[in-house]
């Protein structure tokens, strides 16, 4: 789960004849293709929600999460970081993990609450935007072991997963009046948690290159099988548990403290 990758500016040398002081700036194709995929999934989710296909829209949000976790890593592995990529990544994340889940929730059921409905959707959307801006501003000073507040992709997974599991199990807003206030509560919970100071484990301490026993591969196979048995329910359960895990860590005394510069 990554809100924005680490990038550096990339400048392409200008061709002969270019006036002095002017440079032709270029972009790296590969990592920005993944970021474009994130943006597309967010836009596609909104379109599907407008057409009443909420399950397809929710799946698109989860695909966007996978692509978002890959663009920064691909840029670092291929040494193709750029400032353009960093800014593009934040914009794509705002669409896929901020606007799309909020609009899906509003179109699905929150519109039935009138003014309170769009306020709940806006609280979620604003929370995602503030979370992304704060992450970019504090990326160099916050303890790498923890996220400060719920990451926006995880907030989107909570919101989209909630809608997906209810649609998947046949709960329709016109038949169940309690869906509107419950969805409003989930939206506000996710939005407030994203802008909170509650610490969430970042998983950055996991060494993915380290050798592991053979049983770990078997455990991964079992986990994939469990997810495949009921994707909507399992994924929502996992990310909702992650959303509550930060409050448990906070109650245990963990904090996402700033890292002091070395003297």
Protein backbone atom coordinates (compact mmCIF):
# COMPACT_ATOMS: atom_id res chain seq x y z
CA UNK A 1 0.00 0.00 0.00
CA UNK A 2 1.75 3.18 -1.17
CA UNK A 3 0.27 6.67 -1.55
CA UNK A 4 3.11 8.04 -3.67
CA UNK A 5 6.46 6.69 -4.83
CA UNK A 6 9.81 8.39 -4.37
CA UNK A 7 10.74 10.27 -7.53
CA UNK A 8 13.45 12.59 -8.81
CA UNK A 9 13.26 15.04 -11.70
CA UNK A 10 14.32 13.72 -15.10
CA UNK A 11 15.51 16.12 -17.80
CA UNK A 12 16.16 15.20 -21.41
CA UNK A 13 18.95 17.05 -23.22
CA UNK A 14 17.66 19.51 -25.81
CA UNK A 15 18.43 18.85 -29.47
CA UNK A 16 21.02 20.95 -31.28
CA UNK A 17 19.78 24.41 -32.12
CA UNK A 18 17.61 24.81 -29.05
CA UNK A 19 18.03 28.29 -27.54
CA UNK A 20 20.33 28.44 -24.52
CA UNK A 21 18.45 28.12 -21.23
CA UNK A 22 15.67 25.97 -22.70
CA UNK A 23 15.48 22.22 -22.13
CA UNK A 24 13.11 19.64 -23.51
CA UNK A 25 11.56 17.78 -20.62
CA UNK A 26 10.46 14.19 -21.14
CA UNK A 27 8.68 11.51 -19.15
CA UNK A 28 9.42 7.84 -18.54
CA UNK A 29 6.88 5.59 -20.20
CA UNK A 30 6.83 2.40 -18.11
CA UNK A 31 6.02 3.68 -14.58
CA UNK A 32 3.61 6.29 -15.92
CA UNK A 33 1.70 3.58 -17.79
CA UNK A 34 0.94 1.96 -14.43
CA UNK A 35 -0.13 5.34 -13.04
CA UNK A 36 -2.34 5.87 -16.08
CA UNK A 37 -3.88 2.49 -15.31
CA UNK A 38 -4.72 3.74 -11.80
CA UNK A 39 -6.37 6.83 -13.28
CA UNK A 40 -8.29 4.75 -15.81
CA UNK A 41 -9.58 2.37 -13.13
CA UNK A 42 -10.85 5.29 -11.07
CA UNK A 43 -12.62 6.83 -14.06
CA UNK A 44 -13.97 3.43 -15.12
CA UNK A 45 -15.35 2.82 -11.61
CA UNK A 46 -17.27 6.09 -11.74
CA UNK A 47 -18.71 5.25 -15.17
CA UNK A 48 -19.77 1.79 -14.00
CA UNK A 49 -21.43 3.25 -10.91
CA UNK A 50 -23.39 5.67 -13.10
CA UNK A 51 -24.56 2.65 -15.12
CA UNK A 52 -25.59 0.78 -11.98
CA UNK A 53 -22.81 -1.85 -12.19
CA UNK A 54 -21.39 -1.26 -8.74
CA UNK A 55 -19.68 -4.64 -8.45
CA UNK A 56 -17.61 -3.96 -11.58
CA UNK A 57 -16.74 -0.50 -10.28
CA UNK A 58 -15.57 -1.90 -6.95
CA UNK A 59 -13.38 -4.46 -8.69
CA UNK A 60 -11.82 -1.62 -10.70
CA UNK A 61 -10.88 0.13 -7.44
CA UNK A 62 -9.08 -2.97 -6.21
CA UNK A 63 -7.25 -3.30 -9.53
CA UNK A 64 -6.18 0.33 -9.13
CA UNK A 65 -4.70 -0.57 -5.74
CA UNK A 66 -2.54 -3.27 -7.34
CA UNK A 67 -1.34 -0.91 -10.07
CA UNK A 68 -0.66 1.84 -7.52
CA UNK A 69 1.55 -0.51 -5.57
CA UNK A 70 3.56 -1.27 -8.69
CA UNK A 71 4.27 2.09 -10.33
CA UNK A 72 6.70 3.36 -7.71
CA UNK A 73 8.47 0.04 -7.43
CA UNK A 74 8.82 -0.23 -11.20
CA UNK A 75 10.27 3.29 -11.29
CA UNK A 76 12.86 2.42 -8.64
CA UNK A 77 13.75 -0.95 -10.15
CA UNK A 78 14.26 0.58 -13.59
CA UNK A 79 15.75 3.86 -12.29
CA UNK A 80 13.06 5.87 -14.07
CA UNK A 81 11.97 8.21 -11.28
CA UNK A 82 10.78 11.71 -12.12
CA UNK A 83 9.04 14.64 -10.46
CA UNK A 84 6.35 14.40 -13.15
CA UNK A 85 5.67 10.82 -12.03
CA UNK A 86 5.27 11.87 -8.42
CA UNK A 87 2.74 14.57 -9.25
CA UNK A 88 0.88 12.37 -11.74
CA UNK A 89 0.69 9.58 -9.16
CA UNK A 90 -0.96 11.85 -6.58
CA UNK A 91 -3.54 13.10 -9.10
CA UNK A 92 -4.37 9.55 -10.22
CA UNK A 93 -4.67 8.42 -6.59
CA UNK A 94 -7.08 11.27 -5.84
CA UNK A 95 -9.36 10.14 -8.65
CA UNK A 96 -9.15 6.39 -7.97
CA UNK A 97 -9.07 6.42 -4.15
CA UNK A 98 -10.82 9.69 -3.36
CA UNK A 99 -13.42 10.76 -5.92
CA UNK A 100 -14.38 7.34 -7.29
CA UNK A 101 -15.30 5.58 -4.00
CA UNK A 102 -17.11 8.70 -2.75
CA UNK A 103 -19.18 9.02 -5.93
CA UNK A 104 -19.91 5.29 -5.99
CA UNK A 105 -21.22 5.43 -2.42
CA UNK A 106 -23.33 8.50 -3.20
CA UNK A 107 -24.84 7.07 -6.38
CA UNK A 108 -25.48 3.70 -4.74
CA UNK A 109 -27.34 4.78 -1.62
CA UNK A 110 -26.16 8.04 -0.01
CA UNK A 111 -28.25 10.14 -2.40
CA UNK A 112 -31.31 8.83 -0.53
CA UNK A 113 -30.17 10.78 2.55
CA UNK A 114 -30.36 14.12 0.77
CA UNK A 115 -27.95 16.75 2.08
CA UNK A 116 -26.51 14.42 4.72
CA UNK A 117 -25.69 11.93 1.98
CA UNK A 118 -23.46 14.17 -0.11
CA UNK A 119 -21.87 15.58 3.05
CA UNK A 120 -20.87 12.04 4.08
CA UNK A 121 -19.45 11.38 0.60
CA UNK A 122 -17.57 14.68 0.67
CA UNK A 123 -16.07 13.90 4.09
CA UNK A 124 -14.61 10.74 2.63
CA UNK A 125 -13.39 12.50 -0.54
CA UNK A 126 -11.83 15.38 1.40
CA UNK A 127 -10.20 12.94 3.81
CA UNK A 128 -8.52 11.14 0.93
CA UNK A 129 -7.26 14.41 -0.57
CA UNK A 130 -5.88 15.69 2.74
CA UNK A 131 -4.29 12.30 3.42
CA UNK A 132 -2.47 12.33 0.07
CA UNK A 133 -1.26 15.92 0.55
CA UNK A 134 -0.01 15.21 4.06
CA UNK A 135 1.77 12.04 2.92
CA UNK A 136 3.65 13.97 0.23
CA UNK A 137 4.58 16.73 2.70
CA UNK A 138 5.72 14.40 5.50
CA UNK A 139 7.26 11.56 3.49
CA UNK A 140 10.81 12.44 4.61
CA UNK A 141 10.09 13.08 8.30
CA UNK A 142 7.67 10.36 9.46
CA UNK A 143 8.78 7.02 10.91
CA UNK A 144 8.87 4.60 7.96
CA UNK A 145 7.49 1.77 10.08
CA UNK A 146 4.07 3.42 10.31
CA UNK A 147 1.64 5.33 8.15
CA UNK A 148 0.18 8.46 9.74
CA UNK A 149 -3.51 7.80 9.29
CA UNK A 150 -5.17 5.18 7.12
CA UNK A 151 -3.54 5.09 3.64
CA UNK A 152 -5.89 6.31 0.93
CA UNK A 153 -5.80 3.00 -1.05
CA UNK A 154 -6.85 1.17 2.12
CA UNK A 155 -9.60 3.73 2.75
CA UNK A 156 -10.83 3.13 -0.79
CA UNK A 157 -10.73 -0.63 -0.18
CA UNK A 158 -12.89 -0.21 2.93
CA UNK A 159 -15.43 1.95 1.07
CA UNK A 160 -15.49 -0.04 -2.17
CA UNK A 161 -15.28 -3.37 -0.37
CA UNK A 162 -18.30 -2.48 1.76
CA UNK A 163 -20.37 -1.69 -1.32
CA UNK A 164 -19.09 -4.73 -3.18
CA UNK A 165 -19.92 -7.23 -0.44
CA UNK A 166 -23.47 -5.90 0.00
CA UNK A 167 -24.14 -5.87 -3.75
CA UNK A 168 -22.59 -9.32 -4.07
CA UNK A 169 -24.93 -10.73 -1.40
CA UNK A 170 -28.01 -9.12 -2.92
CA UNK A 171 -28.69 -6.29 -0.47
CA UNK A 172 -30.57 -3.59 -2.40
CA UNK A 173 -31.02 -0.03 -1.08
CA UNK A 174 -34.71 0.06 -2.00
CA UNK A 175 -35.36 -3.06 0.10
CA UNK A 176 -33.12 -2.28 3.10
CA UNK A 177 -33.46 1.21 4.54
CA UNK A 178 -30.59 0.67 6.99
CA UNK A 179 -28.05 0.58 4.16
CA UNK A 180 -27.99 4.37 3.79
CA UNK A 181 -27.04 5.30 7.38
CA UNK A 182 -24.61 2.37 7.61
CA UNK A 183 -22.87 3.41 4.39
CA UNK A 184 -22.72 6.99 5.67
CA UNK A 185 -21.03 5.73 8.83
CA UNK A 186 -18.46 3.74 6.86
CA UNK A 187 -17.69 6.75 4.65
CA UNK A 188 -17.20 9.07 7.62
CA UNK A 189 -15.14 6.45 9.47
CA UNK A 190 -12.80 5.99 6.51
CA UNK A 191 -12.53 9.73 5.85
CA UNK A 192 -11.79 10.67 9.45
CA UNK A 193 -9.35 7.77 9.91
CA UNK A 194 -7.37 8.85 6.85
CA UNK A 195 -6.72 12.31 8.32
CA UNK A 196 -6.16 11.10 11.88
CA UNK A 197 -2.79 10.64 13.56
CA UNK A 198 -3.56 6.98 14.22
CA UNK A 199 -0.54 4.80 13.28
CA UNK A 200 -0.89 1.98 10.76
CA UNK A 201 1.80 -0.59 10.11
CA UNK A 202 3.39 0.19 6.74
CA UNK A 203 4.80 -3.30 6.02
CA UNK A 204 8.00 -1.58 4.86
CA UNK A 205 10.08 -3.61 7.32
CA UNK A 206 9.20 -6.85 5.52
CA UNK A 207 12.22 -8.11 3.58
CA UNK A 208 10.73 -9.50 0.37
CA UNK A 209 14.15 -10.65 -0.85
CA UNK A 210 14.81 -12.84 2.18
CA UNK A 211 14.66 -16.62 1.86
CA UNK A 212 11.61 -18.19 3.50
CA UNK A 213 10.64 -21.75 4.45
CA UNK A 214 8.65 -23.76 1.94
CA UNK A 215 5.54 -23.65 4.12
CA UNK A 216 5.26 -19.90 3.49
CA UNK A 217 4.51 -20.60 -0.18
CA UNK A 218 1.87 -23.13 0.89
CA UNK A 219 0.36 -20.53 3.23
CA UNK A 220 0.20 -18.05 0.33
CA UNK A 221 -1.59 -20.64 -1.80
CA UNK A 222 -4.12 -21.22 0.98
CA UNK A 223 -4.63 -17.46 1.41
CA UNK A 224 -5.22 -16.97 -2.32
CA UNK A 225 -7.71 -19.85 -2.29
CA UNK A 226 -9.61 -18.30 0.62
CA UNK A 227 -9.79 -14.93 -1.15
CA UNK A 228 -10.94 -16.59 -4.38
CA UNK A 229 -13.74 -18.39 -2.53
CA UNK A 230 -15.49 -15.09 -1.76
CA UNK A 231 -13.42 -12.09 -2.91
CA UNK A 232 -15.80 -9.36 -1.82
CA UNK A 233 -16.30 -10.67 1.71
CA UNK A 234 -12.70 -11.66 2.39
CA UNK A 235 -11.14 -8.49 0.97
CA UNK A 236 -13.58 -6.24 2.82
CA UNK A 237 -12.94 -8.16 6.04
CA UNK A 238 -9.16 -7.86 5.66
CA UNK A 239 -9.15 -4.12 4.97
CA UNK A 240 -11.75 -3.37 7.61
CA UNK A 241 -9.60 -5.24 10.12
CA UNK A 242 -6.61 -3.18 8.95
CA UNK A 243 -8.70 -0.04 9.43
CA UNK A 244 -9.35 -0.96 13.05
CA UNK A 245 -5.78 -2.18 13.64
CA UNK A 246 -4.49 1.39 13.79
CA UNK A 247 -6.75 2.19 16.73
CA UNK A 248 -5.54 -0.94 18.49
CA UNK A 249 -1.92 0.11 17.93
CA UNK A 250 -2.73 3.62 19.13
CA UNK A 251 -4.31 2.22 22.30
CA UNK A 252 -1.15 0.16 22.85
CA UNK A 253 0.97 3.31 22.75
CA UNK A 254 2.36 3.20 19.21
CA UNK A 255 2.74 6.56 17.49
CA UNK A 256 3.83 7.69 14.01
CA UNK A 257 6.43 10.13 15.32
CA UNK A 258 8.61 12.46 13.21
CA UNK A 259 12.16 11.28 12.62
CA UNK A 260 14.69 13.72 14.04
CA UNK A 261 17.53 14.70 11.68
CA UNK A 262 20.95 13.33 12.51
CA UNK A 263 23.42 15.83 13.96
